[in-house]
C-alpha atoms as a PDB file:
ATOM      1  CA  MET A   1      48.103 139.350 107.621  1.00  0.00           C
ATOM      2  CA  LYS A   2      45.895 137.756 104.948  1.00  0.00           C
ATOM      3  CA  THR A   3      48.918 137.150 102.701  1.00  0.00           C
ATOM      4  CA  ASP A   4      50.757 135.446 105.583  1.00  0.00           C
ATOM      5  CA  LEU A   5      47.799 133.142 106.126  1.00  0.00           C
ATOM      6  CA  ARG A   6      47.705 132.280 102.412  1.00  0.00           C
ATOM      7  CA  LEU A   7      51.422 131.579 102.416  1.00  0.00           C
ATOM      8  CA  ASN A   8      51.145 129.315 105.460  1.00  0.00           C
ATOM      9  CA  VAL A   9      48.300 127.356 103.864  1.00  0.00           C
ATOM     10  CA  LEU A  10      50.245 127.030 100.601  1.00  0.00           C
ATOM     11  CA  ARG A  11      53.396 125.989 102.461  1.00  0.00           C
ATOM     12  CA  ASN A  12      51.459 123.277 104.283  1.00  0.00           C
ATOM     13  CA  TRP A  13      49.878 121.980 101.059  1.00  0.00           C
ATOM     14  CA  ARG A  14      53.226 122.049  99.297  1.00  0.00           C
ATOM     15  CA  PHE A  15      54.846 120.169 102.182  1.00  0.00           C
ATOM     16  CA  LEU A  16      52.149 117.464 102.117  1.00  0.00           C
ATOM     17  CA  LEU A  17      52.288 117.117  98.336  1.00  0.00           C
ATOM     18  CA  GLU A  18      56.082 116.907  98.288  1.00  0.00           C
ATOM     19  CA  TRP A  19      55.975 114.057 100.797  1.00  0.00           C
ATOM     20  CA  ALA A  20      53.150 112.372  98.893  1.00  0.00           C
ATOM     21  CA  THR A  21      55.176 112.674  95.695  1.00  0.00           C
ATOM     22  CA  PHE A  22      58.255 111.240  97.401  1.00  0.00           C
ATOM     23  CA  ILE A  23      56.289 108.293  98.776  1.00  0.00           C
ATOM     24  CA  SER A  24      54.558 107.683  95.439  1.00  0.00           C
ATOM     25  CA  ILE A  25      57.886 107.617  93.573  1.00  0.00           C
ATOM     26  CA  ILE A  26      59.159 105.078  96.096  1.00  0.00           C
ATOM     27  CA  CYS A  27      55.983 103.064  95.479  1.00  0.00           C
ATOM     28  CA  MET A  28      56.615 103.224  91.722  1.00  0.00           C
ATOM     29  CA  VAL A  29      60.129 101.863  92.229  1.00  0.00           C
ATOM     30  CA  VAL A  30      58.792  99.138  94.534  1.00  0.00           C
ATOM     31  CA  VAL A  31      56.091  98.137  92.027  1.00  0.00           C
ATOM     32  CA  PHE A  32      58.761  97.968  89.330  1.00  0.00           C
ATOM     33  CA  ALA A  33      61.077  95.934  91.532  1.00  0.00           C
ATOM     34  CA  LEU A  34      58.364  93.532  92.629  1.00  0.00           C
ATOM     35  CA  THR A  35      56.951  92.979  89.170  1.00  0.00           C
ATOM     36  CA  ALA A  36      60.428  92.640  87.664  1.00  0.00           C
ATOM     37  CA  SER A  37      61.504  90.196  90.370  1.00  0.00           C
ATOM     38  CA  ILE A  38      58.671  87.782  89.703  1.00  0.00           C
ATOM     39  CA  LEU A  39      59.408  87.623  86.010  1.00  0.00           C
ATOM     40  CA  PRO A  40      59.447  85.486  83.966  1.00  0.00           C
ATOM     41  CA  ALA A  41      55.726  85.161  84.328  1.00  0.00           C
ATOM     42  CA  PRO A  42      53.713  82.518  82.593  1.00  0.00           C
ATOM     43  CA  ALA A  43      54.144  82.744  78.847  1.00  0.00           C
ATOM     44  CA  PRO A  44      51.343  84.556  77.039  1.00  0.00           C
ATOM     45  CA  SER A  45      48.879  82.394  75.220  1.00  0.00           C
ATOM     46  CA  PRO A  46      49.508  81.996  71.484  1.00  0.00           C
ATOM     47  CA  ASP A  47      46.435  84.011  70.599  1.00  0.00           C
ATOM     48  CA  ALA A  48      47.409  86.880  72.950  1.00  0.00           C
ATOM     49  CA  ASP A  49      47.346  90.301  71.416  1.00  0.00           C
ATOM     50  CA  GLY A  50      49.250  93.129  73.012  1.00  0.00           C
ATOM     51  CA  LEU A  51      52.571  94.663  73.781  1.00  0.00           C
ATOM     52  CA  VAL A  52      53.637  91.905  76.162  1.00  0.00           C
ATOM     53  CA  ALA A  53      53.075  89.240  73.522  1.00  0.00           C
ATOM     54  CA  LYS A  54      55.057  91.231  70.954  1.00  0.00           C
ATOM     55  CA  TYR A  55      58.022  92.554  72.937  1.00  0.00           C
ATOM     56  CA  GLY A  56      58.141  90.562  76.143  1.00  0.00           C
ATOM     57  CA  MET A  57      57.261  91.477  79.677  1.00  0.00           C
ATOM     58  CA  ARG A  58      60.655  92.770  80.803  1.00  0.00           C
ATOM     59  CA  THR A  59      61.032  95.107  77.848  1.00  0.00           C
ATOM     60  CA  VAL A  60      57.559  96.621  78.187  1.00  0.00           C
ATOM     61  CA  LEU A  61      57.920  96.942  81.949  1.00  0.00           C
ATOM     62  CA  PHE A  62      61.296  98.678  81.660  1.00  0.00           C
ATOM     63  CA  ILE A  63      60.029 101.077  78.967  1.00  0.00           C
ATOM     64  CA  LEU A  64      57.006 102.039  81.080  1.00  0.00           C
ATOM     65  CA  PHE A  65      59.202 102.550  84.138  1.00  0.00           C
ATOM     66  CA  ALA A  66      61.632 104.692  82.123  1.00  0.00           C
ATOM     67  CA  LEU A  67      58.811 106.804  80.657  1.00  0.00           C
ATOM     68  CA  GLY A  68      57.158 107.331  84.047  1.00  0.00           C
ATOM     69  CA  GLY A  69      60.489 108.113  85.679  1.00  0.00           C
ATOM     70  CA  GLY A  70      61.360 110.511  82.850  1.00  0.00           C
ATOM     71  CA  VAL A  71      58.115 112.459  83.219  1.00  0.00           C
ATOM     72  CA  CYS A  72      58.569 112.627  86.998  1.00  0.00           C
ATOM     73  CA  GLY A  73      62.181 113.693  86.521  1.00  0.00           C
ATOM     74  CA  LEU A  74      61.222 116.521  84.171  1.00  0.00           C
ATOM     75  CA  LEU A  75      58.552 117.776  86.557  1.00  0.00           C
ATOM     76  CA  PHE A  76      61.049 117.497  89.431  1.00  0.00           C
ATOM     77  CA  LEU A  77      63.583 119.610  87.500  1.00  0.00           C
ATOM     78  CA  LEU A  78      60.937 122.225  86.777  1.00  0.00           C
ATOM     79  CA  SER A  79      60.037 122.382  90.455  1.00  0.00           C
ATOM     80  CA  ARG A  80      63.667 122.610  91.607  1.00  0.00           C
ATOM     81  CA  PHE A  81      64.630 125.305  89.114  1.00  0.00           C
ATOM     82  CA  PRO A  82      61.758 127.809  89.151  1.00  0.00           C
ATOM     83  CA  ARG A  83      63.418 130.040  86.554  1.00  0.00           C
ATOM     84  CA  LEU A  84      62.951 127.342  83.899  1.00  0.00           C
ATOM     85  CA  TYR A  85      59.206 127.559  84.337  1.00  0.00           C
ATOM     86  CA  ARG A  86      57.084 130.147  82.554  1.00  0.00           C
ATOM     87  CA  TYR A  87      54.619 131.663  85.012  1.00  0.00           C
ATOM     88  CA  PRO A  88      51.208 132.864  83.773  1.00  0.00           C
ATOM     89  CA  VAL A  89      51.593 136.187  85.612  1.00  0.00           C
ATOM     90  CA  LYS A  90      54.347 138.735  85.895  1.00  0.00           C
ATOM     91  CA  ILE A  91      56.556 137.954  88.877  1.00  0.00           C
ATOM     92  CA  ASN A  92      57.489 140.804  91.190  1.00  0.00           C
ATOM     93  CA  ALA A  93      58.818 141.111  94.722  1.00  0.00           C
ATOM     94  CA  ASP A  94      55.318 141.029  96.220  1.00  0.00           C
ATOM     95  CA  ASN A  95      54.104 137.806  94.642  1.00  0.00           C
ATOM     96  CA  VAL A  96      57.247 135.743  94.096  1.00  0.00           C
ATOM     97  CA  GLU A  97      56.804 133.403  97.064  1.00  0.00           C
ATOM     98  CA  LEU A  98      53.074 132.989  96.545  1.00  0.00           C
ATOM     99  CA  GLN A  99      53.519 132.127  92.868  1.00  0.00           C
ATOM    100  CA  TYR A 100      56.369 129.745  93.669  1.00  0.00           C
ATOM    101  CA  HIS A 101      54.227 127.766  96.105  1.00  0.00           C
ATOM    102  CA  ILE A 102      51.272 127.629  93.710  1.00  0.00           C
ATOM    103  CA  ALA A 103      53.513 126.374  90.880  1.00  0.00           C
ATOM    104  CA  LYS A 104      55.166 123.827  93.159  1.00  0.00           C
ATOM    105  CA  ILE A 105      51.765 122.448  94.195  1.00  0.00           C
ATOM    106  CA  ALA A 106      50.732 122.078  90.537  1.00  0.00           C
ATOM    107  CA  LEU A 107      53.986 120.323  89.607  1.00  0.00           C
ATOM    108  CA  CYS A 108      53.738 117.908  92.552  1.00  0.00           C
ATOM    109  CA  THR A 109      50.170 117.067  91.566  1.00  0.00           C
ATOM    110  CA  GLY A 110      51.346 116.400  88.006  1.00  0.00           C
ATOM    111  CA  GLN A 111      54.015 114.065  89.360  1.00  0.00           C
ATOM    112  CA  LEU A 112      51.403 112.186  91.388  1.00  0.00           C
ATOM    113  CA  ILE A 113      49.264 111.702  88.276  1.00  0.00           C
ATOM    114  CA  ALA A 114      52.264 110.434  86.295  1.00  0.00           C
ATOM    115  CA  VAL A 115      53.242 107.969  89.025  1.00  0.00           C
ATOM    116  CA  VAL A 116      49.715 106.572  89.386  1.00  0.00           C
ATOM    117  CA  VAL A 117      49.356 106.059  85.628  1.00  0.00           C
ATOM    118  CA  THR A 118      52.783 104.408  85.438  1.00  0.00           C
ATOM    119  CA  CYS A 119      52.033 102.043  88.335  1.00  0.00           C
ATOM    120  CA  ILE A 120      48.677 101.037  86.844  1.00  0.00           C
ATOM    121  CA  LEU A 121      50.306 100.319  83.499  1.00  0.00           C
ATOM    122  CA  MET A 122      53.107  98.312  85.107  1.00  0.00           C
ATOM    123  CA  LEU A 123      50.603  96.174  86.995  1.00  0.00           C
ATOM    124  CA  ARG A 124      48.691  95.607  83.770  1.00  0.00           C
ATOM    125  CA  VAL A 125      51.891  94.425  82.135  1.00  0.00           C
ATOM    126  CA  TYR A 126      52.166  91.665  84.688  1.00  0.00           C
ATOM    127  CA  GLU A 127      48.551  90.729  84.053  1.00  0.00           C
ATOM    128  CA  GLN A 128      49.434  90.774  80.342  1.00  0.00           C
ATOM    129  CA  ASN A 129      46.501  93.087  79.852  1.00  0.00           C
ATOM    130  CA  ILE A 130      48.009  95.991  77.952  1.00  0.00           C
ATOM    131  CA  THR A 131      47.222  96.755  74.342  1.00  0.00           C
ATOM    132  CA  LEU A 132      47.436 100.101  72.641  1.00  0.00           C
ATOM    133  CA  HIS A 133      44.175  99.606  70.782  1.00  0.00           C
ATOM    134  CA  SER A 134      41.921  98.645  73.673  1.00  0.00           C
ATOM    135  CA  PRO A 135      39.243 101.129  74.765  1.00  0.00           C
ATOM    136  CA  ASP A 136      40.313 100.671  78.396  1.00  0.00           C
ATOM    137  CA  PHE A 137      43.868 101.808  77.622  1.00  0.00           C
ATOM    138  CA  ARG A 138      42.624 104.825  75.652  1.00  0.00           C
ATOM    139  CA  ASN A 139      40.159 105.734  78.410  1.00  0.00           C
ATOM    140  CA  MET A 140      42.921 105.655  81.003  1.00  0.00           C
ATOM    141  CA  LEU A 141      45.141 107.883  78.883  1.00  0.00           C
ATOM    142  CA  ILE A 142      42.250 110.273  78.245  1.00  0.00           C
ATOM    143  CA  ARG A 143      41.435 110.414  81.970  1.00  0.00           C
ATOM    144  CA  SER A 144      45.046 111.117  82.875  1.00  0.00           C
ATOM    145  CA  ALA A 145      45.267 113.819  80.188  1.00  0.00           C
ATOM    146  CA  VAL A 146      42.050 115.400  81.493  1.00  0.00           C
ATOM    147  CA  ALA A 147      43.386 115.243  85.062  1.00  0.00           C
ATOM    148  CA  GLY A 148      46.653 116.879  83.949  1.00  0.00           C
ATOM    149  CA  GLY A 149      44.728 119.540  82.040  1.00  0.00           C
ATOM    150  CA  ALA A 150      42.517 120.187  85.066  1.00  0.00           C
ATOM    151  CA  VAL A 151      45.596 120.581  87.277  1.00  0.00           C
ATOM    152  CA  TYR A 152      47.064 123.087  84.839  1.00  0.00           C
ATOM    153  CA  LEU A 153      43.746 124.962  84.554  1.00  0.00           C
ATOM    154  CA  VAL A 154      43.387 125.199  88.338  1.00  0.00           C
ATOM    155  CA  TYR A 155      47.017 126.309  88.592  1.00  0.00           C
ATOM    156  CA  PHE A 156      46.505 128.963  85.894  1.00  0.00           C
ATOM    157  CA  LEU A 157      43.347 130.289  87.568  1.00  0.00           C
ATOM    158  CA  ALA A 158      44.954 130.300  91.031  1.00  0.00           C
ATOM    159  CA  ALA A 159      48.064 132.049  89.750  1.00  0.00           C
ATOM    160  CA  ARG A 160      45.950 134.708  88.052  1.00  0.00           C
ATOM    161  CA  ARG A 161      43.739 135.115  91.130  1.00  0.00           C
ATOM    162  CA  TYR A 162      46.643 135.658  93.529  1.00  0.00           C
ATOM    163  CA  ARG A 163      48.816 137.940  91.446  1.00  0.00           C
END
């Protein structure tokens, strides 16, 4: 009875996160389409320092979109083919569904983090406010890495707890 309740809760969370991931990927495509459609933007000032000034707005925007889409695609493949994923516990007939749902929740959360970071970076490209050496850029990457690490840590602890 308790296992059925856990499975129902995990199924509901997985369902919500899958829809949130789907909607966020659509939002990423829309942000890309909208920012790409309004290009060319005003030319950067001659003293501008950053990726947009060096490579151009379209190139940087496309590279960010491709990187974000690639990360989401890899996480999507891992979630669709559960045998590719290495689980932190031994899988048996009793815990296979529980572990699958926990892993799926973690992968969907990772996709959400990747989409949010990609959208923020794409919007900064249009503002011509993206440099690799700025503290703001490094802080955002550090925060997203910490969020991804926290998701993995929570997943690892939950998987071990519900063997």
